[in-house]
Each structure stands twice: as structure tokens, then as C-alpha cells.
Amino acid sequence: MKKILKHIIVILCVTAFISCDTEKGYEDFTIEESPVKAVSGDWIVEIYRDGVLDGVDIITTSNTSENIATEMLLDDKEHGWGLLTKVSLDLENLTFSGTDLPELYFGVTVTIDGQFTKNGGTTPLGATTDAISFTAVFSDIPTEVWEYKGYKRSGFLEDQ
């Protein structure tokens, strides 16, 4: 048993030593940036339901699995009404939209019309950051308009 344990320790040590070697094996490895990096991130948003403040939440924007510059994911992590959808993106004009898009949390559809504004937001600490605003109309409550307005998350707790 001691001999087996000794061999296992030697194998683990060699494996750890080899796996830490950053000189070999990664020559062909490149990290690509997402084409939607400029508008990706977490956003602190106020959510208005038919003009009445319904709450404050975090919305995440990110690339899709296709990783192309003309679409992005919009996700509230199921904290608000439930919003996870893929929208069309126009990076040149900083707009995003879509009509009757599949909403992936609850199986309804949603219509989105939104805009990013570079340096258009202010955090509670007074820092200038990007802003986001968009409307959403869900097929299960088609008479209500949801408005999301906010700023890009800075990472500082005081800005949340």
C-alpha cells in the first residue's frame, strides 16, 4: 500500500509540474475578443412597468454562441419579469432590437427596442460610464410596456 501511495504522489507531482509549464503546448492558442465587447457587461437598471418604477436590477449583455457582431444576448438572470432573448445589434449606431423574439425563460415572445449611449451614464459615486435604455413588450402581457434605464456596472460596491 505504501508503494502504491508513493507512486501516486510521484505521478501527481509530475503532473502538477508539467501542467504549470506555460512555455510548451500553447503556441497555437489565441484568445479572441468578442465582437460585441464594446457593449457587453452588467448594467444596473431601473425597471419601469407602464411608467411606474417596478425595481432596480442587473441586466447582462453578451455575445451569443455564434459570436458575431450583429447579435447579442440580453439577460436579466430571471430577476425581473424574466428576460432572456437574442436581439439584433447595430454596433455602429449602438442600437439593438427585435420583434416577437423568443423569450427563453418562460416561452413567450418579446419585442425589444434599445439604445446604448457612450459616456451617457453616471454612477452613484459620480463616475461617467456608458448607459443603456430599452423597452420590452411581452406577449403574455401585451398591453404593458416595460422600460429599462441604467448605467454600466463599475465594479465598485458603492455604485450598485
N, C-alpha and C. Protein backbone atom coordinates (compact mmCIF):
# COMPACT_ATOMS: atom_id res chain seq x y z
N MET A 1 0.83 -1.20 0.00
CA MET A 1 0.00 0.00 0.00
C MET A 1 0.87 1.26 0.00
N LYS A 2 1.97 1.23 0.80
CA LYS A 2 2.86 2.38 0.85
C LYS A 2 3.47 2.64 -0.52
N LYS A 3 3.81 1.57 -1.22
CA LYS A 3 4.45 1.69 -2.52
C LYS A 3 3.48 2.33 -3.54
N ILE A 4 2.23 1.91 -3.49
CA ILE A 4 1.21 2.47 -4.40
C ILE A 4 1.00 3.95 -4.09
N LEU A 5 0.92 4.28 -2.83
CA LEU A 5 0.74 5.67 -2.42
C LEU A 5 1.92 6.53 -2.88
N LYS A 6 3.12 5.99 -2.76
CA LYS A 6 4.31 6.71 -3.19
C LYS A 6 4.27 6.97 -4.70
N HIS A 7 3.83 6.00 -5.49
CA HIS A 7 3.73 6.17 -6.94
C HIS A 7 2.66 7.22 -7.30
N ILE A 8 1.57 7.21 -6.57
CA ILE A 8 0.52 8.20 -6.83
C ILE A 8 1.04 9.60 -6.55
N ILE A 9 1.77 9.78 -5.46
CA ILE A 9 2.33 11.09 -5.13
C ILE A 9 3.31 11.54 -6.20
N VAL A 10 4.15 10.64 -6.69
CA VAL A 10 5.10 10.99 -7.75
C VAL A 10 4.36 11.40 -9.01
N ILE A 11 3.32 10.66 -9.37
CA ILE A 11 2.54 11.00 -10.57
C ILE A 11 1.89 12.37 -10.42
N LEU A 12 1.30 12.64 -9.25
CA LEU A 12 0.67 13.94 -9.02
C LEU A 12 1.68 15.07 -9.09
N CYS A 13 2.85 14.87 -8.53
CA CYS A 13 3.88 15.91 -8.57
C CYS A 13 4.35 16.17 -9.99
N VAL A 14 4.55 15.12 -10.77
CA VAL A 14 4.97 15.29 -12.16
C VAL A 14 3.88 15.97 -12.96
N THR A 15 2.63 15.56 -12.74
CA THR A 15 1.51 16.18 -13.44
C THR A 15 1.42 17.66 -13.11
N ALA A 16 1.54 18.00 -11.83
CA ALA A 16 1.48 19.40 -11.43
C ALA A 16 2.61 20.19 -12.05
N PHE A 17 3.81 19.60 -12.10
CA PHE A 17 4.96 20.28 -12.68
C PHE A 17 4.76 20.51 -14.17
N ILE A 18 4.27 19.50 -14.86
CA ILE A 18 4.07 19.60 -16.31
C ILE A 18 2.94 20.57 -16.63
N SER A 19 1.85 20.51 -15.86
CA SER A 19 0.71 21.37 -16.17
C SER A 19 1.01 22.84 -15.93
N CYS A 20 2.03 23.14 -15.18
CA CYS A 20 2.39 24.53 -14.93
C CYS A 20 3.34 25.08 -15.99
N ASP A 21 3.75 24.25 -16.91
CA ASP A 21 4.68 24.66 -17.95
C ASP A 21 3.93 25.49 -18.99
N THR A 22 4.12 26.79 -18.97
CA THR A 22 3.42 27.67 -19.90
C THR A 22 4.22 27.90 -21.18
N GLU A 23 5.41 27.36 -21.24
CA GLU A 23 6.26 27.56 -22.41
C GLU A 23 5.87 26.67 -23.57
N LYS A 24 5.35 25.47 -23.27
CA LYS A 24 5.09 24.50 -24.32
C LYS A 24 3.60 24.19 -24.39
N GLY A 25 3.16 23.93 -25.59
CA GLY A 25 1.79 23.47 -25.77
C GLY A 25 0.77 24.54 -26.07
N TYR A 26 1.14 25.80 -25.97
CA TYR A 26 0.16 26.86 -26.17
C TYR A 26 0.54 27.77 -27.34
N GLU A 27 1.48 27.35 -28.16
CA GLU A 27 1.91 28.20 -29.27
C GLU A 27 0.77 28.54 -30.21
N ASP A 28 -0.14 27.59 -30.42
CA ASP A 28 -1.23 27.81 -31.36
C ASP A 28 -2.51 28.30 -30.69
N PHE A 29 -2.44 28.59 -29.40
CA PHE A 29 -3.62 29.04 -28.66
C PHE A 29 -3.72 30.55 -28.71
N THR A 30 -4.83 31.06 -29.21
CA THR A 30 -5.07 32.50 -29.23
C THR A 30 -6.42 32.79 -28.57
N ILE A 31 -6.48 33.87 -27.88
CA ILE A 31 -7.73 34.29 -27.25
C ILE A 31 -8.34 35.37 -28.13
N GLU A 32 -9.55 35.11 -28.58
CA GLU A 32 -10.24 36.08 -29.42
C GLU A 32 -11.17 36.93 -28.56
N GLU A 33 -11.23 38.21 -28.88
CA GLU A 33 -12.18 39.08 -28.20
C GLU A 33 -13.54 38.92 -28.84
N SER A 34 -14.55 39.08 -28.04
CA SER A 34 -15.91 39.03 -28.55
C SER A 34 -16.14 40.25 -29.44
N PRO A 35 -16.81 40.07 -30.57
CA PRO A 35 -17.09 41.23 -31.43
C PRO A 35 -18.07 42.21 -30.80
N VAL A 36 -18.75 41.82 -29.74
CA VAL A 36 -19.69 42.73 -29.06
C VAL A 36 -19.12 43.23 -27.73
N LYS A 37 -17.82 43.14 -27.58
CA LYS A 37 -17.15 43.53 -26.33
C LYS A 37 -17.51 44.96 -25.91
N ALA A 38 -17.63 45.86 -26.86
CA ALA A 38 -17.88 47.28 -26.55
C ALA A 38 -19.20 47.50 -25.82
N VAL A 39 -20.16 46.59 -25.99
CA VAL A 39 -21.46 46.77 -25.35
C VAL A 39 -21.79 45.63 -24.38
N SER A 40 -20.83 44.77 -24.13
CA SER A 40 -21.05 43.65 -23.21
C SER A 40 -20.79 44.06 -21.77
N GLY A 41 -21.51 43.43 -20.86
CA GLY A 41 -21.27 43.68 -19.45
C GLY A 41 -22.54 43.63 -18.63
N ASP A 42 -22.42 44.04 -17.39
CA ASP A 42 -23.56 44.13 -16.48
C ASP A 42 -24.00 45.58 -16.40
N TRP A 43 -25.29 45.78 -16.32
CA TRP A 43 -25.90 47.10 -16.30
C TRP A 43 -26.84 47.19 -15.11
N ILE A 44 -26.70 48.23 -14.31
CA ILE A 44 -27.62 48.48 -13.21
C ILE A 44 -28.77 49.30 -13.81
N VAL A 45 -29.97 48.72 -13.77
CA VAL A 45 -31.11 49.38 -14.43
C VAL A 45 -32.29 49.56 -13.48
N GLU A 46 -32.96 50.67 -13.68
CA GLU A 46 -34.27 50.86 -13.07
C GLU A 46 -35.27 50.30 -14.06
N ILE A 47 -36.25 49.56 -13.55
CA ILE A 47 -37.26 48.94 -14.42
C ILE A 47 -38.60 49.61 -14.14
N TYR A 48 -39.18 50.16 -15.20
CA TYR A 48 -40.48 50.82 -15.12
C TYR A 48 -41.51 49.97 -15.84
N ARG A 49 -42.60 49.72 -15.15
CA ARG A 49 -43.71 48.95 -15.73
C ARG A 49 -44.86 49.90 -15.94
N ASP A 50 -45.14 50.21 -17.20
CA ASP A 50 -46.15 51.21 -17.56
C ASP A 50 -45.90 52.54 -16.85
N GLY A 51 -44.64 52.96 -16.82
CA GLY A 51 -44.27 54.25 -16.27
C GLY A 51 -44.06 54.30 -14.77
N VAL A 52 -44.32 53.20 -14.07
CA VAL A 52 -44.18 53.16 -12.61
C VAL A 52 -42.93 52.33 -12.28
N LEU A 53 -42.06 52.87 -11.41
CA LEU A 53 -40.85 52.15 -11.03
C LEU A 53 -41.22 50.82 -10.38
N ASP A 54 -40.72 49.74 -10.98
CA ASP A 54 -41.01 48.39 -10.50
C ASP A 54 -39.85 47.80 -9.72
N GLY A 55 -38.64 48.39 -9.87
CA GLY A 55 -37.49 47.89 -9.14
C GLY A 55 -36.19 48.24 -9.83
N VAL A 56 -35.10 47.82 -9.20
CA VAL A 56 -33.76 48.00 -9.75
C VAL A 56 -33.14 46.62 -9.87
N ASP A 57 -32.47 46.38 -10.98
CA ASP A 57 -31.93 45.05 -11.22
C ASP A 57 -30.66 45.15 -12.05
N ILE A 58 -30.05 44.00 -12.29
CA ILE A 58 -28.87 43.91 -13.15
C ILE A 58 -29.26 43.19 -14.43
N ILE A 59 -28.94 43.78 -15.54
CA ILE A 59 -29.13 43.18 -16.86
C ILE A 59 -27.74 42.88 -17.41
N THR A 60 -27.58 41.73 -18.04
CA THR A 60 -26.31 41.37 -18.65
C THR A 60 -26.46 41.34 -20.16
N THR A 61 -25.51 41.95 -20.87
CA THR A 61 -25.45 41.86 -22.32
C THR A 61 -24.16 41.13 -22.67
N SER A 62 -24.26 40.21 -23.64
CA SER A 62 -23.09 39.42 -24.00
C SER A 62 -23.23 38.88 -25.42
N ASN A 63 -22.15 38.27 -25.89
CA ASN A 63 -22.19 37.66 -27.21
C ASN A 63 -23.06 36.40 -27.18
N THR A 64 -23.52 36.00 -28.35
CA THR A 64 -24.27 34.76 -28.49
C THR A 64 -23.29 33.63 -28.79
N SER A 65 -23.78 32.43 -28.89
CA SER A 65 -22.90 31.30 -29.21
C SER A 65 -22.33 31.42 -30.63
N GLU A 66 -23.02 32.15 -31.49
CA GLU A 66 -22.50 32.38 -32.84
C GLU A 66 -21.32 33.36 -32.83
N ASN A 67 -21.23 34.17 -31.78
CA ASN A 67 -20.13 35.11 -31.58
C ASN A 67 -19.94 36.03 -32.80
N ILE A 68 -21.04 36.67 -33.21
CA ILE A 68 -20.98 37.59 -34.34
C ILE A 68 -21.36 38.99 -33.87
N ALA A 69 -20.97 39.99 -34.66
CA ALA A 69 -21.15 41.39 -34.26
C ALA A 69 -22.56 41.92 -34.46
N THR A 70 -23.46 41.13 -35.02
CA THR A 70 -24.79 41.63 -35.33
C THR A 70 -25.88 41.11 -34.40
N GLU A 71 -25.48 40.42 -33.33
CA GLU A 71 -26.48 39.97 -32.36
C GLU A 71 -25.85 39.83 -30.98
N MET A 72 -26.71 39.93 -29.96
CA MET A 72 -26.23 39.77 -28.58
C MET A 72 -27.35 39.17 -27.74
N LEU A 73 -26.96 38.65 -26.57
CA LEU A 73 -27.92 38.17 -25.59
C LEU A 73 -28.25 39.28 -24.62
N LEU A 74 -29.49 39.34 -24.23
CA LEU A 74 -30.00 40.28 -23.24
C LEU A 74 -30.59 39.42 -22.13
N ASP A 75 -30.06 39.53 -20.90
CA ASP A 75 -30.43 38.59 -19.84
C ASP A 75 -30.59 39.30 -18.51
N ASP A 76 -31.75 39.12 -17.87
CA ASP A 76 -31.96 39.68 -16.53
C ASP A 76 -31.75 38.62 -15.45
N LYS A 77 -31.19 37.48 -15.82
CA LYS A 77 -30.92 36.36 -14.89
C LYS A 77 -32.18 35.95 -14.14
N GLU A 78 -33.32 36.18 -14.77
CA GLU A 78 -34.64 35.82 -14.25
C GLU A 78 -34.99 36.56 -12.96
N HIS A 79 -34.41 37.76 -12.78
CA HIS A 79 -34.70 38.54 -11.58
C HIS A 79 -35.88 39.49 -11.77
N GLY A 80 -36.11 39.93 -12.97
CA GLY A 80 -37.23 40.82 -13.22
C GLY A 80 -38.44 40.01 -13.63
N TRP A 81 -39.06 40.40 -14.71
CA TRP A 81 -40.21 39.65 -15.22
C TRP A 81 -39.75 38.32 -15.80
N GLY A 82 -38.50 38.27 -16.19
CA GLY A 82 -37.92 37.10 -16.86
C GLY A 82 -37.61 37.48 -18.28
N LEU A 83 -36.36 37.81 -18.54
CA LEU A 83 -35.97 38.29 -19.87
C LEU A 83 -34.64 37.67 -20.27
N LEU A 84 -34.71 36.75 -21.19
CA LEU A 84 -33.52 36.18 -21.82
C LEU A 84 -33.86 36.01 -23.29
N THR A 85 -33.21 36.81 -24.13
CA THR A 85 -33.50 36.75 -25.55
C THR A 85 -32.29 37.17 -26.36
N LYS A 86 -32.29 36.80 -27.61
CA LYS A 86 -31.24 37.19 -28.54
C LYS A 86 -31.80 38.32 -29.40
N VAL A 87 -31.10 39.46 -29.42
CA VAL A 87 -31.55 40.63 -30.17
C VAL A 87 -30.58 40.94 -31.30
N SER A 88 -31.11 41.61 -32.32
CA SER A 88 -30.25 42.13 -33.39
C SER A 88 -29.51 43.34 -32.85
N LEU A 89 -28.25 43.48 -33.27
CA LEU A 89 -27.39 44.54 -32.76
C LEU A 89 -26.79 45.33 -33.90
N ASP A 90 -26.84 46.64 -33.79
CA ASP A 90 -26.19 47.54 -34.74
C ASP A 90 -25.13 48.30 -33.96
N LEU A 91 -23.89 47.81 -34.04
CA LEU A 91 -22.81 48.42 -33.26
C LEU A 91 -22.47 49.83 -33.72
N GLU A 92 -22.62 50.10 -34.99
CA GLU A 92 -22.30 51.44 -35.50
C GLU A 92 -23.21 52.49 -34.88
N ASN A 93 -24.50 52.18 -34.77
CA ASN A 93 -25.47 53.12 -34.20
C ASN A 93 -25.77 52.85 -32.73
N LEU A 94 -25.15 51.79 -32.17
CA LEU A 94 -25.33 51.41 -30.77
C LEU A 94 -26.79 51.15 -30.42
N THR A 95 -27.50 50.46 -31.32
CA THR A 95 -28.89 50.12 -31.10
C THR A 95 -29.06 48.60 -31.11
N PHE A 96 -30.13 48.14 -30.49
CA PHE A 96 -30.49 46.73 -30.53
C PHE A 96 -32.00 46.61 -30.53
N SER A 97 -32.52 45.56 -31.18
CA SER A 97 -33.96 45.44 -31.31
C SER A 97 -34.35 44.05 -31.80
N GLY A 98 -35.65 43.85 -31.82
CA GLY A 98 -36.22 42.63 -32.37
C GLY A 98 -37.71 42.58 -32.08
N THR A 99 -38.45 41.94 -32.97
CA THR A 99 -39.89 41.83 -32.83
C THR A 99 -40.27 40.36 -32.67
N ASP A 100 -41.14 40.10 -31.71
CA ASP A 100 -41.61 38.73 -31.43
C ASP A 100 -40.45 37.75 -31.28
N LEU A 101 -39.47 38.14 -30.48
CA LEU A 101 -38.30 37.30 -30.22
C LEU A 101 -38.66 36.24 -29.17
N PRO A 102 -38.12 35.04 -29.29
CA PRO A 102 -38.36 34.04 -28.25
C PRO A 102 -37.73 34.50 -26.93
N GLU A 103 -38.54 34.52 -25.87
CA GLU A 103 -38.04 34.80 -24.52
C GLU A 103 -37.81 33.43 -23.90
N LEU A 104 -36.58 33.13 -23.54
CA LEU A 104 -36.18 31.76 -23.24
C LEU A 104 -36.44 31.29 -21.81
N TYR A 105 -36.81 32.16 -20.90
CA TYR A 105 -37.13 31.72 -19.55
C TYR A 105 -38.54 31.17 -19.44
N PHE A 106 -39.50 31.84 -20.10
CA PHE A 106 -40.90 31.48 -19.91
C PHE A 106 -41.64 31.10 -21.18
N GLY A 107 -40.94 31.02 -22.30
CA GLY A 107 -41.56 30.53 -23.52
C GLY A 107 -42.57 31.46 -24.14
N VAL A 108 -42.47 32.75 -23.87
CA VAL A 108 -43.32 33.74 -24.52
C VAL A 108 -42.48 34.43 -25.58
N THR A 109 -43.01 35.47 -26.18
CA THR A 109 -42.20 36.28 -27.10
C THR A 109 -42.10 37.69 -26.53
N VAL A 110 -41.10 38.43 -27.02
CA VAL A 110 -40.87 39.78 -26.53
C VAL A 110 -40.40 40.65 -27.69
N THR A 111 -40.84 41.89 -27.68
CA THR A 111 -40.38 42.89 -28.65
C THR A 111 -39.50 43.88 -27.91
N ILE A 112 -38.29 44.09 -28.44
CA ILE A 112 -37.28 44.92 -27.78
C ILE A 112 -36.89 46.07 -28.71
N ASP A 113 -36.70 47.26 -28.13
CA ASP A 113 -36.17 48.40 -28.86
C ASP A 113 -35.23 49.14 -27.91
N GLY A 114 -33.91 49.13 -28.23
CA GLY A 114 -32.97 49.68 -27.27
C GLY A 114 -31.82 50.46 -27.85
N GLN A 115 -31.11 51.14 -26.95
CA GLN A 115 -30.01 52.04 -27.32
C GLN A 115 -28.94 52.01 -26.23
N PHE A 116 -27.68 52.01 -26.65
CA PHE A 116 -26.55 52.26 -25.76
C PHE A 116 -26.11 53.69 -25.99
N THR A 117 -25.63 54.37 -24.95
CA THR A 117 -25.10 55.71 -25.10
C THR A 117 -23.72 55.74 -24.44
N LYS A 118 -22.69 55.94 -25.26
CA LYS A 118 -21.33 56.01 -24.73
C LYS A 118 -21.20 57.22 -23.81
N ASN A 119 -20.65 57.00 -22.64
CA ASN A 119 -20.46 58.05 -21.62
C ASN A 119 -21.76 58.76 -21.26
N GLY A 120 -22.89 58.06 -21.38
CA GLY A 120 -24.19 58.68 -21.11
C GLY A 120 -24.76 58.37 -19.74
N GLY A 121 -24.00 57.63 -18.93
CA GLY A 121 -24.49 57.27 -17.60
C GLY A 121 -23.62 57.82 -16.50
N THR A 122 -24.19 57.94 -15.33
CA THR A 122 -23.45 58.39 -14.15
C THR A 122 -23.74 57.43 -13.01
N THR A 123 -22.68 56.93 -12.39
CA THR A 123 -22.84 56.02 -11.26
C THR A 123 -23.15 56.80 -9.99
N PRO A 124 -23.63 56.14 -8.94
CA PRO A 124 -23.88 56.85 -7.68
C PRO A 124 -22.65 57.56 -7.11
N LEU A 125 -21.44 57.06 -7.43
CA LEU A 125 -20.22 57.73 -6.98
C LEU A 125 -19.84 58.91 -7.86
N GLY A 126 -20.58 59.11 -8.95
CA GLY A 126 -20.34 60.24 -9.83
C GLY A 126 -19.45 59.95 -11.02
N ALA A 127 -19.06 58.71 -11.22
CA ALA A 127 -18.23 58.36 -12.38
C ALA A 127 -19.08 58.31 -13.65
N THR A 128 -18.48 58.71 -14.75
CA THR A 128 -19.15 58.63 -16.04
C THR A 128 -18.93 57.25 -16.63
N THR A 129 -20.00 56.66 -17.10
CA THR A 129 -19.95 55.34 -17.71
C THR A 129 -20.97 55.29 -18.84
N ASP A 130 -21.01 54.18 -19.55
CA ASP A 130 -21.97 54.03 -20.63
C ASP A 130 -23.37 53.82 -20.05
N ALA A 131 -24.37 54.12 -20.87
CA ALA A 131 -25.77 53.97 -20.45
C ALA A 131 -26.49 53.00 -21.38
N ILE A 132 -27.55 52.43 -20.88
CA ILE A 132 -28.42 51.55 -21.65
C ILE A 132 -29.86 51.96 -21.39
N SER A 133 -30.68 51.87 -22.41
CA SER A 133 -32.13 52.05 -22.23
C SER A 133 -32.82 51.22 -23.30
N PHE A 134 -33.91 50.59 -22.91
CA PHE A 134 -34.70 49.83 -23.88
C PHE A 134 -36.11 49.59 -23.36
N THR A 135 -37.00 49.31 -24.27
CA THR A 135 -38.36 48.93 -23.93
C THR A 135 -38.55 47.47 -24.28
N ALA A 136 -39.44 46.84 -23.55
CA ALA A 136 -39.79 45.45 -23.79
C ALA A 136 -41.30 45.30 -23.67
N VAL A 137 -41.89 44.60 -24.62
CA VAL A 137 -43.31 44.26 -24.56
C VAL A 137 -43.39 42.74 -24.69
N PHE A 138 -43.95 42.10 -23.66
CA PHE A 138 -44.04 40.65 -23.60
C PHE A 138 -45.40 40.18 -24.14
N SER A 139 -45.41 39.06 -24.84
CA SER A 139 -46.64 38.58 -25.46
C SER A 139 -47.69 38.16 -24.43
N ASP A 140 -47.29 37.78 -23.22
CA ASP A 140 -48.28 37.37 -22.22
C ASP A 140 -48.91 38.56 -21.50
N ILE A 141 -48.34 39.76 -21.66
CA ILE A 141 -48.93 40.99 -21.13
C ILE A 141 -48.74 42.11 -22.17
N PRO A 142 -49.37 41.96 -23.34
CA PRO A 142 -49.09 42.85 -24.47
C PRO A 142 -49.51 44.31 -24.29
N THR A 143 -50.29 44.60 -23.27
CA THR A 143 -50.71 46.00 -23.07
C THR A 143 -49.76 46.77 -22.16
N GLU A 144 -48.77 46.09 -21.60
CA GLU A 144 -47.81 46.75 -20.71
C GLU A 144 -46.48 46.97 -21.41
N VAL A 145 -45.92 48.16 -21.21
CA VAL A 145 -44.60 48.48 -21.74
C VAL A 145 -43.63 48.54 -20.57
N TRP A 146 -42.57 47.75 -20.66
CA TRP A 146 -41.51 47.74 -19.66
C TRP A 146 -40.37 48.61 -20.17
N GLU A 147 -39.88 49.51 -19.33
CA GLU A 147 -38.74 50.35 -19.70
C GLU A 147 -37.58 50.05 -18.76
N TYR A 148 -36.40 49.88 -19.35
CA TYR A 148 -35.18 49.61 -18.60
C TYR A 148 -34.22 50.76 -18.87
N LYS A 149 -33.74 51.42 -17.81
CA LYS A 149 -32.83 52.55 -17.97
C LYS A 149 -31.73 52.44 -16.92
N GLY A 150 -30.46 52.53 -17.38
CA GLY A 150 -29.41 52.43 -16.40
C GLY A 150 -28.02 52.68 -16.94
N TYR A 151 -27.04 52.27 -16.15
CA TYR A 151 -25.64 52.55 -16.45
C TYR A 151 -24.82 51.27 -16.33
N LYS A 152 -23.67 51.27 -16.97
CA LYS A 152 -22.79 50.10 -16.94
C LYS A 152 -22.18 49.95 -15.56
N ARG A 153 -22.21 48.75 -15.07
CA ARG A 153 -21.69 48.42 -13.74
C ARG A 153 -20.20 48.72 -13.66
N SER A 154 -19.80 49.43 -12.61
CA SER A 154 -18.40 49.83 -12.47
C SER A 154 -17.57 48.80 -11.72
N GLY A 155 -18.20 47.97 -10.92
CA GLY A 155 -17.48 47.02 -10.09
C GLY A 155 -17.31 47.48 -8.66
N PHE A 156 -17.56 48.75 -8.39
CA PHE A 156 -17.47 49.27 -7.03
C PHE A 156 -18.80 49.04 -6.32
N LEU A 157 -18.76 48.51 -5.11
CA LEU A 157 -19.99 48.22 -4.36
C LEU A 157 -20.84 49.46 -4.17
N GLU A 158 -20.20 50.60 -3.99
CA GLU A 158 -20.95 51.84 -3.77
C GLU A 158 -21.73 52.27 -4.99
N ASP A 159 -21.42 51.72 -6.15
CA ASP A 159 -22.11 52.10 -7.38
C ASP A 159 -23.28 51.18 -7.70
N GLN A 160 -23.62 50.30 -6.81
CA GLN A 160 -24.68 49.34 -7.13
C GLN A 160 -26.00 49.73 -6.53
